[in-house]
Amino acid sequence: MGMSKSVLAKVLLGTLALFILSGCATMFKGSVQTIPVMSQPAGAEVIVDGVSYGNTPLQLRLKTNKTYVVTVRNDGKERTFTITNQIGTMWVVLDVLAGLVPVVVDAATGTWYELSPEQINVVLE
């Protein structure tokens, strides 16, 4: 038995309303980004803004509206990286095309931002 036209119309209308009432970036990517951290040799400590997050290899889940200082340390050797956030132009364009509400939602939640670099792979030998 198929969906009636009125049920299908309600589903489509609900989906459209969700799209219009939420920001494009909020709806499709969220405000957290996963940054893989790997090292040679493996097992290096990963410190983000002074807090230890564990040992490599690991996946950092970081909010996209901030900048972070990441230190990878092993056997007295260390490398420090800055993960910066930048506005993803594509999200802004999509929001502007969708209307005022998505612009406000994404700007307020910080989901316009993307982190760079997208991964850290360091040699500590």
N, C-alpha and C. Protein backbone atom coordinates (compact mmCIF):
# COMPACT_ATOMS: atom_id res chain seq x y z
N MET A 1 0.84 -1.18 0.00
CA MET A 1 0.00 0.00 0.00
C MET A 1 0.89 1.25 0.00
N GLY A 2 0.71 2.13 -0.94
CA GLY A 2 1.54 3.31 -1.07
C GLY A 2 1.10 4.45 -0.16
N MET A 3 1.95 5.43 -0.07
CA MET A 3 1.65 6.62 0.72
C MET A 3 0.61 7.46 -0.01
N SER A 4 -0.31 8.01 0.74
CA SER A 4 -1.29 8.90 0.11
C SER A 4 -0.61 10.21 -0.25
N LYS A 5 -1.20 10.94 -1.16
CA LYS A 5 -0.62 12.21 -1.60
C LYS A 5 -0.55 13.21 -0.46
N SER A 6 -1.52 13.21 0.43
CA SER A 6 -1.50 14.18 1.53
C SER A 6 -0.39 13.85 2.53
N VAL A 7 -0.13 12.56 2.78
CA VAL A 7 0.96 12.19 3.68
C VAL A 7 2.29 12.55 3.05
N LEU A 8 2.45 12.26 1.78
CA LEU A 8 3.68 12.60 1.07
C LEU A 8 3.90 14.11 1.07
N ALA A 9 2.85 14.87 0.86
CA ALA A 9 2.95 16.34 0.86
C ALA A 9 3.38 16.83 2.24
N LYS A 10 2.84 16.24 3.31
CA LYS A 10 3.22 16.65 4.66
C LYS A 10 4.68 16.33 4.95
N VAL A 11 5.15 15.17 4.49
CA VAL A 11 6.55 14.80 4.69
C VAL A 11 7.46 15.77 3.95
N LEU A 12 7.13 16.08 2.71
CA LEU A 12 7.94 17.03 1.93
C LEU A 12 7.91 18.42 2.54
N LEU A 13 6.74 18.86 3.00
CA LEU A 13 6.62 20.16 3.64
C LEU A 13 7.43 20.21 4.93
N GLY A 14 7.39 19.14 5.71
CA GLY A 14 8.16 19.07 6.94
C GLY A 14 9.65 19.13 6.68
N THR A 15 10.10 18.42 5.66
CA THR A 15 11.52 18.43 5.29
C THR A 15 11.94 19.82 4.83
N LEU A 16 11.11 20.46 4.03
CA LEU A 16 11.41 21.82 3.57
C LEU A 16 11.45 22.79 4.74
N ALA A 17 10.53 22.67 5.68
CA ALA A 17 10.50 23.54 6.86
C ALA A 17 11.75 23.35 7.70
N LEU A 18 12.18 22.10 7.86
CA LEU A 18 13.40 21.82 8.62
C LEU A 18 14.59 22.48 7.96
N PHE A 19 14.66 22.39 6.64
CA PHE A 19 15.76 23.01 5.90
C PHE A 19 15.75 24.52 6.06
N ILE A 20 14.59 25.14 5.95
CA ILE A 20 14.48 26.59 6.04
C ILE A 20 14.73 27.09 7.46
N LEU A 21 14.27 26.35 8.46
CA LEU A 21 14.38 26.81 9.84
C LEU A 21 15.70 26.45 10.52
N SER A 22 16.55 25.72 9.84
CA SER A 22 17.86 25.44 10.40
C SER A 22 18.90 25.88 9.38
N GLY A 23 20.09 26.10 9.84
CA GLY A 23 21.16 26.51 8.94
C GLY A 23 21.64 25.33 8.13
N CYS A 24 22.14 25.61 6.94
CA CYS A 24 22.64 24.54 6.08
C CYS A 24 23.79 23.79 6.75
N ALA A 25 24.77 24.53 7.29
CA ALA A 25 25.91 23.89 7.92
C ALA A 25 25.49 23.15 9.19
N THR A 26 24.56 23.72 9.95
CA THR A 26 24.06 23.06 11.16
C THR A 26 23.41 21.74 10.80
N MET A 27 22.63 21.74 9.75
CA MET A 27 21.88 20.56 9.36
C MET A 27 22.77 19.49 8.74
N PHE A 28 23.76 19.86 7.93
CA PHE A 28 24.52 18.89 7.17
C PHE A 28 25.87 18.51 7.77
N LYS A 29 26.53 19.38 8.52
CA LYS A 29 27.86 19.01 9.03
C LYS A 29 28.01 19.15 10.54
N GLY A 30 27.23 19.99 11.18
CA GLY A 30 27.33 20.15 12.62
C GLY A 30 28.46 21.06 13.04
N SER A 31 28.64 21.20 14.35
CA SER A 31 29.63 22.14 14.89
C SER A 31 30.88 21.46 15.41
N VAL A 32 31.04 20.17 15.12
CA VAL A 32 32.21 19.42 15.57
C VAL A 32 32.85 18.76 14.36
N GLN A 33 34.20 18.76 14.33
CA GLN A 33 34.93 18.13 13.24
C GLN A 33 35.91 17.14 13.83
N THR A 34 36.09 16.01 13.17
CA THR A 34 37.04 14.99 13.61
C THR A 34 38.36 15.22 12.90
N ILE A 35 39.43 15.32 13.70
CA ILE A 35 40.78 15.52 13.17
C ILE A 35 41.61 14.29 13.56
N PRO A 36 41.99 13.44 12.57
CA PRO A 36 42.85 12.30 12.89
C PRO A 36 44.26 12.78 13.23
N VAL A 37 44.86 12.19 14.28
CA VAL A 37 46.23 12.51 14.66
C VAL A 37 47.02 11.21 14.67
N MET A 38 48.08 11.16 13.85
CA MET A 38 48.93 9.99 13.75
C MET A 38 50.38 10.41 13.95
N SER A 39 51.20 9.47 14.41
CA SER A 39 52.61 9.78 14.60
C SER A 39 53.46 8.57 14.27
N GLN A 40 54.71 8.85 13.93
CA GLN A 40 55.72 7.82 13.77
C GLN A 40 56.80 8.13 14.78
N PRO A 41 57.07 7.33 15.77
CA PRO A 41 56.36 6.10 16.10
C PRO A 41 55.00 6.40 16.73
N ALA A 42 54.12 5.39 16.67
CA ALA A 42 52.80 5.52 17.29
C ALA A 42 52.95 5.56 18.80
N GLY A 43 51.93 6.01 19.48
CA GLY A 43 51.94 6.06 20.95
C GLY A 43 52.36 7.40 21.52
N ALA A 44 52.50 8.41 20.67
CA ALA A 44 52.89 9.74 21.16
C ALA A 44 51.70 10.38 21.87
N GLU A 45 51.99 11.15 22.91
CA GLU A 45 50.94 11.84 23.65
C GLU A 45 50.44 13.04 22.84
N VAL A 46 49.13 13.25 22.84
CA VAL A 46 48.52 14.38 22.13
C VAL A 46 47.93 15.32 23.16
N ILE A 47 48.40 16.57 23.15
CA ILE A 47 47.97 17.58 24.10
C ILE A 47 47.29 18.70 23.32
N VAL A 48 46.06 19.02 23.70
CA VAL A 48 45.31 20.08 23.03
C VAL A 48 45.04 21.18 24.05
N ASP A 49 45.57 22.36 23.76
CA ASP A 49 45.40 23.51 24.66
C ASP A 49 45.76 23.16 26.10
N GLY A 50 46.85 22.41 26.27
CA GLY A 50 47.35 22.07 27.60
C GLY A 50 46.71 20.86 28.25
N VAL A 51 45.76 20.20 27.58
CA VAL A 51 45.07 19.04 28.15
C VAL A 51 45.41 17.80 27.33
N SER A 52 45.84 16.72 28.01
CA SER A 52 46.17 15.47 27.33
C SER A 52 44.89 14.77 26.86
N TYR A 53 44.89 14.39 25.59
CA TYR A 53 43.74 13.70 25.00
C TYR A 53 44.01 12.23 24.77
N GLY A 54 45.21 11.75 25.06
CA GLY A 54 45.54 10.34 24.84
C GLY A 54 46.74 10.22 23.93
N ASN A 55 46.90 9.01 23.39
CA ASN A 55 48.06 8.71 22.57
C ASN A 55 47.65 8.37 21.14
N THR A 56 48.57 8.63 20.22
CA THR A 56 48.32 8.35 18.80
C THR A 56 48.33 6.85 18.55
N PRO A 57 47.59 6.42 17.55
CA PRO A 57 46.69 7.20 16.70
C PRO A 57 45.38 7.47 17.43
N LEU A 58 44.81 8.64 17.19
CA LEU A 58 43.52 8.98 17.79
C LEU A 58 42.77 9.96 16.92
N GLN A 59 41.49 10.09 17.22
CA GLN A 59 40.60 10.99 16.50
C GLN A 59 40.18 12.10 17.46
N LEU A 60 40.60 13.32 17.21
CA LEU A 60 40.17 14.45 18.01
C LEU A 60 38.82 14.94 17.49
N ARG A 61 37.87 15.12 18.38
CA ARG A 61 36.58 15.72 18.00
C ARG A 61 36.58 17.13 18.58
N LEU A 62 36.75 18.11 17.70
CA LEU A 62 36.92 19.50 18.13
C LEU A 62 35.81 20.38 17.57
N LYS A 63 35.39 21.35 18.39
CA LYS A 63 34.40 22.32 17.93
C LYS A 63 35.03 23.19 16.85
N THR A 64 34.25 23.48 15.83
CA THR A 64 34.80 24.20 14.68
C THR A 64 34.88 25.71 14.88
N ASN A 65 34.31 26.24 15.96
CA ASN A 65 34.32 27.69 16.13
C ASN A 65 35.50 28.19 16.97
N LYS A 66 36.50 27.34 17.17
CA LYS A 66 37.68 27.71 17.97
C LYS A 66 38.96 27.40 17.20
N THR A 67 40.06 27.98 17.68
CA THR A 67 41.40 27.66 17.22
C THR A 67 42.08 26.88 18.33
N TYR A 68 42.91 25.89 17.98
CA TYR A 68 43.54 25.02 18.97
C TYR A 68 45.04 24.95 18.75
N VAL A 69 45.78 24.74 19.85
CA VAL A 69 47.20 24.45 19.79
C VAL A 69 47.35 22.99 20.18
N VAL A 70 47.92 22.18 19.27
CA VAL A 70 48.07 20.74 19.47
C VAL A 70 49.55 20.42 19.52
N THR A 71 49.96 19.74 20.60
CA THR A 71 51.33 19.29 20.74
C THR A 71 51.34 17.77 20.71
N VAL A 72 52.23 17.20 19.89
CA VAL A 72 52.41 15.75 19.82
C VAL A 72 53.80 15.49 20.38
N ARG A 73 53.87 14.67 21.46
CA ARG A 73 55.11 14.51 22.22
C ARG A 73 55.41 13.03 22.44
N ASN A 74 56.71 12.66 22.23
CA ASN A 74 57.15 11.28 22.48
C ASN A 74 58.65 11.27 22.74
N ASP A 75 59.06 10.65 23.83
CA ASP A 75 60.48 10.48 24.17
C ASP A 75 61.28 11.78 24.09
N GLY A 76 60.75 12.86 24.65
CA GLY A 76 61.45 14.12 24.69
C GLY A 76 61.39 14.93 23.41
N LYS A 77 60.80 14.38 22.37
CA LYS A 77 60.65 15.11 21.11
C LYS A 77 59.21 15.54 20.99
N GLU A 78 59.01 16.75 20.46
CA GLU A 78 57.64 17.21 20.29
C GLU A 78 57.53 18.15 19.11
N ARG A 79 56.32 18.19 18.57
CA ARG A 79 55.97 19.12 17.49
C ARG A 79 54.67 19.78 17.89
N THR A 80 54.57 21.06 17.60
CA THR A 80 53.37 21.81 17.93
C THR A 80 52.73 22.33 16.65
N PHE A 81 51.42 22.22 16.61
CA PHE A 81 50.62 22.63 15.44
C PHE A 81 49.52 23.56 15.92
N THR A 82 49.12 24.46 15.07
CA THR A 82 47.94 25.28 15.34
C THR A 82 46.85 24.85 14.38
N ILE A 83 45.73 24.46 14.94
CA ILE A 83 44.55 24.14 14.13
C ILE A 83 43.69 25.39 14.14
N THR A 84 43.52 25.97 12.97
CA THR A 84 42.76 27.22 12.87
C THR A 84 41.37 26.95 12.31
N ASN A 85 40.49 27.87 12.60
CA ASN A 85 39.15 27.77 12.02
C ASN A 85 39.00 28.87 10.98
N GLN A 86 38.28 28.52 9.94
CA GLN A 86 38.02 29.48 8.87
C GLN A 86 36.59 29.26 8.39
N ILE A 87 36.00 30.31 7.91
CA ILE A 87 34.61 30.21 7.44
C ILE A 87 34.59 29.48 6.11
N GLY A 88 33.74 28.45 6.03
CA GLY A 88 33.55 27.72 4.78
C GLY A 88 32.60 28.50 3.89
N THR A 89 33.13 29.09 2.84
CA THR A 89 32.36 29.97 1.95
C THR A 89 31.12 29.28 1.40
N MET A 90 31.23 28.00 1.11
CA MET A 90 30.09 27.27 0.55
C MET A 90 28.88 27.33 1.49
N TRP A 91 29.13 27.20 2.81
CA TRP A 91 28.02 27.21 3.78
C TRP A 91 27.35 28.58 3.82
N VAL A 92 28.14 29.64 3.74
CA VAL A 92 27.58 30.99 3.77
C VAL A 92 26.70 31.21 2.54
N VAL A 93 27.19 30.81 1.38
CA VAL A 93 26.42 30.98 0.14
C VAL A 93 25.10 30.21 0.23
N LEU A 94 25.16 28.95 0.68
CA LEU A 94 23.92 28.16 0.81
C LEU A 94 22.94 28.82 1.77
N ASP A 95 23.45 29.32 2.90
CA ASP A 95 22.58 29.98 3.87
C ASP A 95 21.92 31.22 3.29
N VAL A 96 22.70 32.03 2.59
CA VAL A 96 22.16 33.26 2.01
C VAL A 96 21.06 32.91 1.00
N LEU A 97 21.29 31.88 0.22
CA LEU A 97 20.28 31.46 -0.75
C LEU A 97 19.02 30.94 -0.07
N ALA A 98 19.18 30.32 1.12
CA ALA A 98 18.03 29.75 1.83
C ALA A 98 17.25 30.80 2.62
N GLY A 99 17.86 31.93 2.93
CA GLY A 99 17.12 32.99 3.63
C GLY A 99 17.78 33.42 4.92
N LEU A 100 17.13 34.32 5.64
CA LEU A 100 17.69 34.94 6.83
C LEU A 100 17.85 33.97 8.00
N VAL A 101 16.89 33.09 8.23
CA VAL A 101 16.95 32.20 9.39
C VAL A 101 18.19 31.30 9.35
N PRO A 102 18.50 30.62 8.24
CA PRO A 102 19.72 29.80 8.21
C PRO A 102 20.99 30.61 8.47
N VAL A 103 21.04 31.84 7.97
CA VAL A 103 22.20 32.69 8.21
C VAL A 103 22.37 32.93 9.71
N VAL A 104 21.29 33.28 10.38
CA VAL A 104 21.33 33.55 11.83
C VAL A 104 21.71 32.29 12.60
N VAL A 105 21.10 31.15 12.26
CA VAL A 105 21.37 29.90 12.98
C VAL A 105 22.83 29.51 12.84
N ASP A 106 23.37 29.46 11.64
CA ASP A 106 24.75 29.04 11.44
C ASP A 106 25.75 30.04 12.01
N ALA A 107 25.45 31.32 11.91
CA ALA A 107 26.34 32.33 12.50
C ALA A 107 26.38 32.20 14.01
N ALA A 108 25.23 31.97 14.64
CA ALA A 108 25.15 31.87 16.10
C ALA A 108 25.79 30.59 16.62
N THR A 109 25.67 29.49 15.89
CA THR A 109 26.21 28.22 16.37
C THR A 109 27.66 28.00 15.97
N GLY A 110 28.17 28.79 15.06
CA GLY A 110 29.56 28.64 14.63
C GLY A 110 29.77 27.50 13.65
N THR A 111 28.70 26.97 13.09
CA THR A 111 28.86 25.83 12.18
C THR A 111 29.35 26.23 10.79
N TRP A 112 29.47 27.51 10.52
CA TRP A 112 30.06 27.95 9.26
C TRP A 112 31.54 27.58 9.18
N TYR A 113 32.16 27.39 10.33
CA TYR A 113 33.60 27.20 10.38
C TYR A 113 34.03 25.78 10.06
N GLU A 114 35.23 25.69 9.49
CA GLU A 114 35.90 24.42 9.24
C GLU A 114 37.30 24.53 9.80
N LEU A 115 37.83 23.40 10.29
CA LEU A 115 39.16 23.40 10.89
C LEU A 115 40.21 23.01 9.86
N SER A 116 41.41 23.61 10.00
CA SER A 116 42.52 23.31 9.12
C SER A 116 43.81 23.31 9.94
N PRO A 117 44.69 22.33 9.80
CA PRO A 117 44.64 21.22 8.85
C PRO A 117 43.58 20.19 9.26
N GLU A 118 43.16 19.39 8.29
CA GLU A 118 42.13 18.39 8.54
C GLU A 118 42.68 17.12 9.18
N GLN A 119 44.00 16.99 9.24
CA GLN A 119 44.64 15.87 9.92
C GLN A 119 46.06 16.26 10.30
N ILE A 120 46.59 15.55 11.29
CA ILE A 120 47.98 15.76 11.71
C ILE A 120 48.69 14.42 11.61
N ASN A 121 49.81 14.40 10.90
CA ASN A 121 50.63 13.21 10.77
C ASN A 121 52.07 13.66 10.96
N VAL A 122 52.69 13.25 12.08
CA VAL A 122 53.99 13.78 12.45
C VAL A 122 55.01 12.65 12.66
N VAL A 123 56.26 12.92 12.27
CA VAL A 123 57.35 11.99 12.50
C VAL A 123 58.18 12.54 13.65
N LEU A 124 58.34 11.73 14.72
CA LEU A 124 59.09 12.15 15.91
C LEU A 124 60.29 11.23 16.11
N GLU A 125 61.23 11.23 15.17
CA GLU A 125 62.40 10.36 15.27
C GLU A 125 63.66 11.17 15.24
